[in-house]
Amino acid sequence: MEKTLRVGVIASTHGVRGEVKVFPTTDDVKRFEQLKEVLLDTGKEQKPLEIEHVKFFKNMAILKFKGFDNINDIEIYKGKDLLIHRDQAVKLGPDENFIVDLIGLLVITDQKEELGTLKDVLQTGANDVYVVQTNSGKEILLPAIKQCILNVDLEAGQMTVHVLEGLLDL
């Protein structure tokens, strides 16, 4: 399991005083109000940054980090991920998982047939959709609903699913 979770990506600078617009990769953009520190993934290292203040504009968070006081200090980090330690993450409810923990799970049907590997999670308005890559290279889309996703066992590295009628008819 990953030790860190991505909460956002620096999209662009905001003004000239070192603020950045952050595209949130968390369900709730207001999550940034509770954070005091994030890790900047530079590609070579994870650099801790203290959040000085937070404001919001449309679907973005605007963050100001301590020690970054002009556009030149922060501009080089455009496109970089902002991470948190797993212990800073929001508490999950029953039957909830972080997407990063689901990617790579072996997907098995309730008939004990190996379907493939969970490759991606598409977030739609109604429910998430799991993208399963079969061993033959095909992609199968499974709705993340209780009738279809029967069990997720992160320790065993597998997910048990019931393939609803018609989902494999292509």
N, C-alpha and C. Protein backbone atom coordinates (compact mmCIF):
# COMPACT_ATOMS: atom_id res chain seq x y z
N MET A 1 0.84 -1.18 0.00
CA MET A 1 0.00 0.00 0.00
C MET A 1 0.88 1.25 0.00
N GLU A 2 0.43 2.23 -0.74
CA GLU A 2 1.16 3.50 -0.79
C GLU A 2 1.17 4.16 0.59
N LYS A 3 2.28 4.80 0.94
CA LYS A 3 2.38 5.50 2.22
C LYS A 3 1.83 6.92 2.13
N THR A 4 1.75 7.42 0.89
CA THR A 4 1.22 8.77 0.69
C THR A 4 0.05 8.71 -0.28
N LEU A 5 -0.80 9.72 -0.21
CA LEU A 5 -1.96 9.84 -1.08
C LEU A 5 -1.92 11.21 -1.75
N ARG A 6 -2.25 11.25 -3.03
CA ARG A 6 -2.28 12.53 -3.75
C ARG A 6 -3.58 13.26 -3.45
N VAL A 7 -3.46 14.53 -3.05
CA VAL A 7 -4.65 15.35 -2.78
C VAL A 7 -4.85 16.45 -3.81
N GLY A 8 -3.83 16.69 -4.63
CA GLY A 8 -3.96 17.73 -5.63
C GLY A 8 -2.75 17.82 -6.53
N VAL A 9 -2.92 18.62 -7.58
CA VAL A 9 -1.85 18.88 -8.53
C VAL A 9 -1.77 20.39 -8.73
N ILE A 10 -0.56 20.93 -8.67
CA ILE A 10 -0.38 22.37 -8.90
C ILE A 10 -0.67 22.64 -10.38
N ALA A 11 -1.75 23.37 -10.64
CA ALA A 11 -2.18 23.64 -12.01
C ALA A 11 -1.47 24.86 -12.59
N SER A 12 -1.38 25.93 -11.80
CA SER A 12 -0.74 27.16 -12.29
C SER A 12 -0.46 28.08 -11.11
N THR A 13 0.22 29.16 -11.41
CA THR A 13 0.45 30.17 -10.39
C THR A 13 -0.80 31.04 -10.31
N HIS A 14 -0.91 31.78 -9.21
CA HIS A 14 -2.04 32.69 -9.02
C HIS A 14 -1.47 34.01 -8.50
N GLY A 15 -1.46 35.01 -9.34
CA GLY A 15 -0.87 36.28 -8.94
C GLY A 15 0.65 36.20 -8.94
N VAL A 16 1.29 37.17 -8.29
CA VAL A 16 2.76 37.24 -8.29
C VAL A 16 3.37 37.02 -6.91
N ARG A 17 2.54 36.74 -5.91
CA ARG A 17 3.04 36.63 -4.53
C ARG A 17 3.24 35.18 -4.06
N GLY A 18 3.37 34.25 -4.99
CA GLY A 18 3.70 32.87 -4.62
C GLY A 18 2.52 31.95 -4.40
N GLU A 19 1.30 32.39 -4.71
CA GLU A 19 0.14 31.52 -4.57
C GLU A 19 0.03 30.61 -5.80
N VAL A 20 -0.58 29.44 -5.60
CA VAL A 20 -0.80 28.51 -6.70
C VAL A 20 -2.24 28.03 -6.73
N LYS A 21 -2.72 27.77 -7.94
CA LYS A 21 -4.02 27.12 -8.10
C LYS A 21 -3.76 25.63 -8.08
N VAL A 22 -4.55 24.92 -7.28
CA VAL A 22 -4.38 23.48 -7.14
C VAL A 22 -5.65 22.78 -7.61
N PHE A 23 -5.49 21.85 -8.55
CA PHE A 23 -6.60 21.01 -8.97
C PHE A 23 -6.72 19.89 -7.95
N PRO A 24 -7.84 19.80 -7.24
CA PRO A 24 -7.97 18.78 -6.19
C PRO A 24 -8.19 17.39 -6.77
N THR A 25 -7.51 16.41 -6.22
CA THR A 25 -7.74 15.01 -6.58
C THR A 25 -8.38 14.28 -5.40
N THR A 26 -8.96 15.05 -4.52
CA THR A 26 -9.68 14.53 -3.38
C THR A 26 -11.17 14.84 -3.62
N ASP A 27 -12.05 14.10 -2.98
CA ASP A 27 -13.49 14.29 -3.19
C ASP A 27 -13.98 15.66 -2.76
N ASP A 28 -13.34 16.25 -1.76
CA ASP A 28 -13.82 17.50 -1.19
C ASP A 28 -12.72 18.56 -1.23
N VAL A 29 -12.90 19.58 -2.07
CA VAL A 29 -11.88 20.62 -2.20
C VAL A 29 -11.67 21.35 -0.87
N LYS A 30 -12.70 21.42 -0.03
CA LYS A 30 -12.58 22.08 1.28
C LYS A 30 -11.62 21.33 2.20
N ARG A 31 -11.19 20.14 1.79
CA ARG A 31 -10.23 19.32 2.55
C ARG A 31 -8.95 20.10 2.85
N PHE A 32 -8.59 21.02 1.97
CA PHE A 32 -7.34 21.77 2.14
C PHE A 32 -7.38 22.69 3.36
N GLU A 33 -8.58 23.06 3.82
CA GLU A 33 -8.69 23.91 5.01
C GLU A 33 -8.16 23.21 6.26
N GLN A 34 -8.24 21.89 6.33
CA GLN A 34 -7.79 21.14 7.50
C GLN A 34 -6.30 20.80 7.44
N LEU A 35 -5.69 20.95 6.30
CA LEU A 35 -4.28 20.57 6.15
C LEU A 35 -3.35 21.69 6.58
N LYS A 36 -2.35 21.37 7.35
CA LYS A 36 -1.33 22.33 7.76
C LYS A 36 -0.07 22.18 6.90
N GLU A 37 0.12 20.96 6.37
CA GLU A 37 1.32 20.67 5.60
C GLU A 37 1.00 19.63 4.52
N VAL A 38 1.68 19.76 3.39
CA VAL A 38 1.59 18.78 2.32
C VAL A 38 3.01 18.45 1.87
N LEU A 39 3.13 17.38 1.11
CA LEU A 39 4.41 17.02 0.53
C LEU A 39 4.37 17.34 -0.96
N LEU A 40 5.36 18.07 -1.43
CA LEU A 40 5.48 18.38 -2.85
C LEU A 40 6.33 17.29 -3.48
N ASP A 41 5.77 16.57 -4.45
CA ASP A 41 6.53 15.54 -5.15
C ASP A 41 7.22 16.19 -6.34
N THR A 42 8.51 16.44 -6.20
CA THR A 42 9.27 17.12 -7.25
C THR A 42 9.71 16.16 -8.35
N GLY A 43 9.51 14.88 -8.13
CA GLY A 43 10.00 13.87 -9.06
C GLY A 43 11.28 13.24 -8.56
N LYS A 44 12.03 13.99 -7.78
CA LYS A 44 13.28 13.50 -7.20
C LYS A 44 13.15 13.29 -5.70
N GLU A 45 12.29 14.12 -5.07
CA GLU A 45 12.11 14.05 -3.62
C GLU A 45 10.70 14.49 -3.25
N GLN A 46 10.36 14.23 -2.01
CA GLN A 46 9.10 14.73 -1.47
C GLN A 46 9.44 15.79 -0.45
N LYS A 47 9.12 17.02 -0.81
CA LYS A 47 9.52 18.19 -0.03
C LYS A 47 8.33 18.67 0.82
N PRO A 48 8.47 18.72 2.16
CA PRO A 48 7.36 19.20 2.99
C PRO A 48 7.15 20.71 2.82
N LEU A 49 5.88 21.09 2.64
CA LEU A 49 5.53 22.50 2.51
C LEU A 49 4.46 22.84 3.54
N GLU A 50 4.67 23.94 4.25
CA GLU A 50 3.69 24.41 5.23
C GLU A 50 2.69 25.32 4.53
N ILE A 51 1.41 25.03 4.72
CA ILE A 51 0.37 25.85 4.10
C ILE A 51 0.14 27.08 4.96
N GLU A 52 0.31 28.25 4.35
CA GLU A 52 0.13 29.51 5.06
C GLU A 52 -1.34 29.95 5.05
N HIS A 53 -1.97 29.87 3.88
CA HIS A 53 -3.41 30.13 3.82
C HIS A 53 -4.03 29.46 2.59
N VAL A 54 -5.36 29.31 2.67
CA VAL A 54 -6.13 28.64 1.64
C VAL A 54 -7.34 29.50 1.28
N LYS A 55 -7.64 29.58 0.00
CA LYS A 55 -8.89 30.16 -0.45
C LYS A 55 -9.35 29.34 -1.65
N PHE A 56 -10.55 29.62 -2.12
CA PHE A 56 -11.12 28.79 -3.17
C PHE A 56 -11.63 29.65 -4.31
N PHE A 57 -11.49 29.12 -5.52
CA PHE A 57 -12.01 29.78 -6.71
C PHE A 57 -12.54 28.70 -7.64
N LYS A 58 -13.84 28.73 -7.90
CA LYS A 58 -14.52 27.72 -8.70
C LYS A 58 -14.22 26.34 -8.11
N ASN A 59 -13.68 25.41 -8.89
CA ASN A 59 -13.41 24.07 -8.36
C ASN A 59 -11.96 23.90 -7.90
N MET A 60 -11.24 25.00 -7.77
CA MET A 60 -9.81 24.95 -7.43
C MET A 60 -9.56 25.49 -6.02
N ALA A 61 -8.48 24.99 -5.42
CA ALA A 61 -7.99 25.56 -4.16
C ALA A 61 -6.82 26.47 -4.53
N ILE A 62 -6.75 27.60 -3.87
CA ILE A 62 -5.61 28.50 -4.06
C ILE A 62 -4.81 28.46 -2.76
N LEU A 63 -3.58 27.99 -2.86
CA LEU A 63 -2.74 27.79 -1.68
C LEU A 63 -1.55 28.73 -1.71
N LYS A 64 -1.18 29.16 -0.51
CA LYS A 64 0.05 29.95 -0.32
C LYS A 64 0.90 29.16 0.65
N PHE A 65 2.13 28.84 0.25
CA PHE A 65 3.05 28.09 1.09
C PHE A 65 4.04 29.02 1.76
N LYS A 66 4.36 28.74 3.00
CA LYS A 66 5.32 29.52 3.76
C LYS A 66 6.69 29.45 3.07
N GLY A 67 7.31 30.60 2.89
CA GLY A 67 8.64 30.66 2.29
C GLY A 67 8.63 30.84 0.78
N PHE A 68 7.47 30.78 0.16
CA PHE A 68 7.35 31.00 -1.28
C PHE A 68 6.58 32.31 -1.46
N ASP A 69 7.33 33.39 -1.68
CA ASP A 69 6.70 34.72 -1.65
C ASP A 69 6.61 35.43 -2.99
N ASN A 70 7.09 34.78 -4.05
CA ASN A 70 6.88 35.38 -5.37
C ASN A 70 6.70 34.29 -6.41
N ILE A 71 6.23 34.70 -7.55
CA ILE A 71 5.88 33.76 -8.62
C ILE A 71 7.08 32.92 -9.06
N ASN A 72 8.26 33.48 -9.03
CA ASN A 72 9.46 32.75 -9.49
C ASN A 72 9.81 31.59 -8.56
N ASP A 73 9.50 31.72 -7.27
CA ASP A 73 9.82 30.65 -6.31
C ASP A 73 9.00 29.39 -6.57
N ILE A 74 7.77 29.57 -7.00
CA ILE A 74 6.82 28.46 -7.07
C ILE A 74 6.54 27.98 -8.49
N GLU A 75 6.79 28.83 -9.48
CA GLU A 75 6.44 28.53 -10.87
C GLU A 75 7.05 27.22 -11.38
N ILE A 76 8.22 26.87 -10.91
CA ILE A 76 8.90 25.66 -11.38
C ILE A 76 8.18 24.37 -10.95
N TYR A 77 7.22 24.49 -10.04
CA TYR A 77 6.51 23.30 -9.55
C TYR A 77 5.16 23.07 -10.22
N LYS A 78 4.86 23.82 -11.28
CA LYS A 78 3.61 23.61 -12.02
C LYS A 78 3.55 22.17 -12.51
N GLY A 79 2.39 21.53 -12.32
CA GLY A 79 2.21 20.15 -12.77
C GLY A 79 2.65 19.10 -11.76
N LYS A 80 3.19 19.54 -10.63
CA LYS A 80 3.68 18.59 -9.61
C LYS A 80 2.56 18.22 -8.65
N ASP A 81 2.65 17.00 -8.13
CA ASP A 81 1.65 16.47 -7.20
C ASP A 81 1.85 16.98 -5.79
N LEU A 82 0.74 17.16 -5.08
CA LEU A 82 0.76 17.45 -3.64
C LEU A 82 0.24 16.20 -2.94
N LEU A 83 1.01 15.73 -1.98
CA LEU A 83 0.70 14.48 -1.29
C LEU A 83 0.49 14.71 0.20
N ILE A 84 -0.16 13.76 0.84
CA ILE A 84 -0.26 13.74 2.30
C ILE A 84 0.12 12.34 2.77
N HIS A 85 0.53 12.25 4.03
CA HIS A 85 0.77 10.94 4.62
C HIS A 85 -0.57 10.27 4.85
N ARG A 86 -0.60 8.96 4.77
CA ARG A 86 -1.84 8.19 4.92
C ARG A 86 -2.55 8.51 6.24
N ASP A 87 -1.79 8.80 7.30
CA ASP A 87 -2.44 9.09 8.60
C ASP A 87 -3.13 10.46 8.61
N GLN A 88 -2.90 11.30 7.59
CA GLN A 88 -3.58 12.58 7.46
C GLN A 88 -4.87 12.45 6.64
N ALA A 89 -5.09 11.30 6.08
CA ALA A 89 -6.23 11.10 5.18
C ALA A 89 -7.54 11.11 5.95
N VAL A 90 -8.62 11.44 5.23
CA VAL A 90 -9.94 11.40 5.84
C VAL A 90 -10.27 9.95 6.18
N LYS A 91 -11.05 9.77 7.21
CA LYS A 91 -11.46 8.42 7.60
C LYS A 91 -12.50 7.92 6.62
N LEU A 92 -12.32 6.70 6.18
CA LEU A 92 -13.24 6.12 5.22
C LEU A 92 -14.37 5.38 5.93
N GLY A 93 -15.51 5.37 5.31
CA GLY A 93 -16.65 4.64 5.84
C GLY A 93 -16.59 3.18 5.40
N PRO A 94 -17.58 2.41 5.83
CA PRO A 94 -17.62 1.01 5.40
C PRO A 94 -17.78 0.93 3.87
N ASP A 95 -17.13 -0.03 3.28
CA ASP A 95 -17.17 -0.25 1.83
C ASP A 95 -16.58 0.92 1.04
N GLU A 96 -15.74 1.72 1.66
CA GLU A 96 -15.03 2.79 0.94
C GLU A 96 -13.54 2.47 0.91
N ASN A 97 -12.90 2.79 -0.20
CA ASN A 97 -11.47 2.57 -0.36
C ASN A 97 -10.88 3.73 -1.14
N PHE A 98 -9.59 3.95 -0.96
CA PHE A 98 -8.90 4.93 -1.77
C PHE A 98 -8.64 4.30 -3.14
N ILE A 99 -8.81 5.08 -4.19
CA ILE A 99 -8.64 4.58 -5.55
C ILE A 99 -7.25 3.97 -5.73
N VAL A 100 -6.24 4.61 -5.19
CA VAL A 100 -4.87 4.12 -5.34
C VAL A 100 -4.71 2.71 -4.78
N ASP A 101 -5.52 2.34 -3.78
CA ASP A 101 -5.45 1.00 -3.20
C ASP A 101 -6.16 -0.04 -4.07
N LEU A 102 -7.09 0.41 -4.91
CA LEU A 102 -7.85 -0.50 -5.76
C LEU A 102 -7.11 -0.87 -7.05
N ILE A 103 -6.35 0.09 -7.57
CA ILE A 103 -5.64 -0.14 -8.83
C ILE A 103 -4.67 -1.31 -8.66
N GLY A 104 -4.76 -2.25 -9.59
CA GLY A 104 -3.88 -3.41 -9.56
C GLY A 104 -4.47 -4.64 -8.90
N LEU A 105 -5.67 -4.52 -8.32
CA LEU A 105 -6.29 -5.69 -7.70
C LEU A 105 -6.67 -6.72 -8.75
N LEU A 106 -6.53 -7.98 -8.40
CA LEU A 106 -7.01 -9.08 -9.23
C LEU A 106 -8.52 -9.13 -9.09
N VAL A 107 -9.23 -9.20 -10.21
CA VAL A 107 -10.68 -9.22 -10.19
C VAL A 107 -11.16 -10.63 -10.53
N ILE A 108 -11.94 -11.21 -9.59
CA ILE A 108 -12.43 -12.58 -9.72
C ILE A 108 -13.95 -12.55 -9.66
N THR A 109 -14.59 -13.36 -10.48
CA THR A 109 -16.06 -13.40 -10.45
C THR A 109 -16.53 -14.28 -9.30
N ASP A 110 -17.82 -14.17 -8.98
CA ASP A 110 -18.40 -15.02 -7.95
C ASP A 110 -18.47 -16.47 -8.39
N GLN A 111 -18.14 -16.74 -9.64
CA GLN A 111 -18.05 -18.11 -10.18
C GLN A 111 -16.60 -18.61 -10.12
N LYS A 112 -15.73 -17.87 -9.43
CA LYS A 112 -14.31 -18.19 -9.23
C LYS A 112 -13.49 -18.13 -10.52
N GLU A 113 -13.95 -17.35 -11.50
CA GLU A 113 -13.20 -17.17 -12.74
C GLU A 113 -12.41 -15.87 -12.64
N GLU A 114 -11.15 -15.92 -13.09
CA GLU A 114 -10.32 -14.72 -13.10
C GLU A 114 -10.75 -13.84 -14.26
N LEU A 115 -11.18 -12.62 -13.92
CA LEU A 115 -11.67 -11.69 -14.94
C LEU A 115 -10.53 -10.83 -15.48
N GLY A 116 -9.62 -10.39 -14.60
CA GLY A 116 -8.51 -9.54 -15.02
C GLY A 116 -7.99 -8.71 -13.87
N THR A 117 -7.43 -7.55 -14.20
CA THR A 117 -6.84 -6.65 -13.22
C THR A 117 -7.52 -5.30 -13.28
N LEU A 118 -7.80 -4.72 -12.12
CA LEU A 118 -8.40 -3.39 -12.07
C LEU A 118 -7.36 -2.38 -12.51
N LYS A 119 -7.66 -1.69 -13.61
CA LYS A 119 -6.70 -0.79 -14.24
C LYS A 119 -6.96 0.67 -13.91
N ASP A 120 -8.26 1.04 -13.76
CA ASP A 120 -8.59 2.44 -13.56
C ASP A 120 -9.96 2.55 -12.91
N VAL A 121 -10.24 3.71 -12.33
CA VAL A 121 -11.55 4.00 -11.76
C VAL A 121 -12.05 5.30 -12.39
N LEU A 122 -13.19 5.21 -13.07
CA LEU A 122 -13.80 6.40 -13.68
C LEU A 122 -14.83 6.94 -12.70
N GLN A 123 -14.74 8.22 -12.41
CA GLN A 123 -15.69 8.83 -11.48
C GLN A 123 -16.77 9.53 -12.28
N THR A 124 -17.97 8.98 -12.18
CA THR A 124 -19.11 9.54 -12.89
C THR A 124 -20.03 10.20 -11.87
N GLY A 125 -21.10 10.78 -12.32
CA GLY A 125 -22.02 11.44 -11.39
C GLY A 125 -22.74 10.47 -10.48
N ALA A 126 -23.22 9.36 -11.03
CA ALA A 126 -24.03 8.44 -10.25
C ALA A 126 -23.19 7.52 -9.37
N ASN A 127 -22.26 6.82 -9.97
CA ASN A 127 -21.39 5.91 -9.23
C ASN A 127 -20.08 5.76 -10.00
N ASP A 128 -19.05 5.29 -9.31
CA ASP A 128 -17.78 5.04 -9.97
C ASP A 128 -17.94 3.85 -10.92
N VAL A 129 -17.04 3.77 -11.89
CA VAL A 129 -17.01 2.65 -12.82
C VAL A 129 -15.59 2.10 -12.80
N TYR A 130 -15.47 0.78 -12.57
CA TYR A 130 -14.17 0.13 -12.52
C TYR A 130 -13.80 -0.38 -13.91
N VAL A 131 -12.59 -0.06 -14.34
CA VAL A 131 -12.08 -0.51 -15.63
C VAL A 131 -11.19 -1.72 -15.36
N VAL A 132 -11.62 -2.87 -15.87
CA VAL A 132 -10.89 -4.12 -15.66
C VAL A 132 -10.25 -4.53 -16.98
N GLN A 133 -8.94 -4.76 -16.95
CA GLN A 133 -8.20 -5.22 -18.13
C GLN A 133 -8.13 -6.74 -18.05
N THR A 134 -8.70 -7.42 -19.06
CA THR A 134 -8.67 -8.88 -19.07
C THR A 134 -7.30 -9.36 -19.52
N ASN A 135 -7.05 -10.65 -19.34
CA ASN A 135 -5.77 -11.22 -19.76
C ASN A 135 -5.60 -11.16 -21.27
N SER A 136 -6.72 -11.10 -22.01
CA SER A 136 -6.64 -11.01 -23.47
C SER A 136 -6.48 -9.56 -23.95
N GLY A 137 -6.47 -8.60 -23.00
CA GLY A 137 -6.25 -7.21 -23.36
C GLY A 137 -7.52 -6.39 -23.50
N LYS A 138 -8.69 -7.03 -23.42
CA LYS A 138 -9.95 -6.30 -23.51
C LYS A 138 -10.19 -5.51 -22.23
N GLU A 139 -11.00 -4.48 -22.33
CA GLU A 139 -11.40 -3.73 -21.14
C GLU A 139 -12.87 -4.00 -20.86
N ILE A 140 -13.17 -4.23 -19.59
CA ILE A 140 -14.55 -4.43 -19.14
C ILE A 140 -14.86 -3.33 -18.15
N LEU A 141 -16.03 -2.72 -18.30
CA LEU A 141 -16.45 -1.66 -17.38
C LEU A 141 -17.47 -2.24 -16.41
N LEU A 142 -17.18 -2.12 -15.11
CA LEU A 142 -18.08 -2.63 -14.07
C LEU A 142 -18.55 -1.47 -13.20
N PRO A 143 -19.85 -1.33 -13.01
CA PRO A 143 -20.34 -0.27 -12.12
C PRO A 143 -19.98 -0.61 -10.67
N ALA A 144 -19.55 0.38 -9.93
CA ALA A 144 -19.18 0.18 -8.53
C ALA A 144 -20.44 0.29 -7.67
N ILE A 145 -21.27 -0.74 -7.77
CA ILE A 145 -22.51 -0.81 -7.00
C ILE A 145 -22.53 -2.14 -6.25
N LYS A 146 -23.29 -2.21 -5.16
CA LYS A 146 -23.31 -3.40 -4.31
C LYS A 146 -23.73 -4.66 -5.05
N GLN A 147 -24.60 -4.54 -6.06
CA GLN A 147 -25.03 -5.71 -6.81
C GLN A 147 -23.90 -6.31 -7.65
N CYS A 148 -22.89 -5.51 -7.94
CA CYS A 148 -21.80 -5.94 -8.81
C CYS A 148 -20.50 -6.20 -8.04
N ILE A 149 -20.13 -5.29 -7.14
CA ILE A 149 -18.88 -5.42 -6.37
C ILE A 149 -19.24 -6.11 -5.04
N LEU A 150 -18.89 -7.38 -4.93
CA LEU A 150 -19.30 -8.16 -3.77
C LEU A 150 -18.33 -8.04 -2.60
N ASN A 151 -17.03 -7.99 -2.90
CA ASN A 151 -16.04 -7.94 -1.82
C ASN A 151 -14.73 -7.36 -2.34
N VAL A 152 -14.12 -6.53 -1.50
CA VAL A 152 -12.79 -5.99 -1.80
C VAL A 152 -11.88 -6.41 -0.65
N ASP A 153 -10.85 -7.19 -0.97
CA ASP A 153 -9.91 -7.67 0.04
C ASP A 153 -8.53 -7.13 -0.32
N LEU A 154 -8.19 -5.98 0.29
CA LEU A 154 -6.92 -5.34 -0.03
C LEU A 154 -5.72 -6.19 0.39
N GLU A 155 -5.86 -6.87 1.52
CA GLU A 155 -4.74 -7.71 2.00
C GLU A 155 -4.46 -8.85 1.04
N ALA A 156 -5.50 -9.46 0.50
CA ALA A 156 -5.33 -10.56 -0.46
C ALA A 156 -5.04 -10.04 -1.86
N GLY A 157 -5.29 -8.74 -2.08
CA GLY A 157 -5.04 -8.15 -3.39
C GLY A 157 -6.06 -8.54 -4.43
N GLN A 158 -7.32 -8.75 -3.98
CA GLN A 158 -8.32 -9.13 -4.97
C GLN A 158 -9.70 -8.58 -4.66
N MET A 159 -10.50 -8.55 -5.70
CA MET A 159 -11.87 -8.06 -5.63
C MET A 159 -12.77 -9.14 -6.23
N THR A 160 -13.85 -9.44 -5.54
CA THR A 160 -14.82 -10.41 -6.05
C THR A 160 -16.02 -9.64 -6.59
N VAL A 161 -16.42 -10.00 -7.81
CA VAL A 161 -17.50 -9.28 -8.47
C VAL A 161 -18.55 -10.25 -9.01
N HIS A 162 -19.74 -9.74 -9.16
CA HIS A 162 -20.81 -10.44 -9.87
C HIS A 162 -21.00 -9.69 -11.17
N VAL A 163 -20.79 -10.37 -12.28
CA VAL A 163 -20.93 -9.73 -13.58
C VAL A 163 -22.41 -9.70 -13.94
N LEU A 164 -22.97 -8.52 -13.95
CA LEU A 164 -24.38 -8.36 -14.27
C LEU A 164 -24.66 -8.78 -15.71
N GLU A 165 -25.86 -9.28 -15.93
CA GLU A 165 -26.25 -9.75 -17.26
C GLU A 165 -26.08 -8.63 -18.29
N GLY A 166 -25.43 -8.98 -19.40
CA GLY A 166 -25.25 -8.03 -20.47
C GLY A 166 -23.93 -7.28 -20.45
N LEU A 167 -23.20 -7.29 -19.33
CA LEU A 167 -21.96 -6.52 -19.24
C LEU A 167 -20.85 -7.08 -20.13
N LEU A 168 -20.87 -8.37 -20.41
CA LEU A 168 -19.82 -8.96 -21.24
C LEU A 168 -20.27 -9.16 -22.68
N ASP A 169 -21.48 -8.73 -23.03
CA ASP A 169 -22.01 -8.92 -24.38
C ASP A 169 -21.52 -7.82 -25.31
N LEU A 170 -20.39 -8.04 -25.91
CA LEU A 170 -19.87 -7.07 -26.91
C LEU A 170 -19.38 -7.82 -28.13
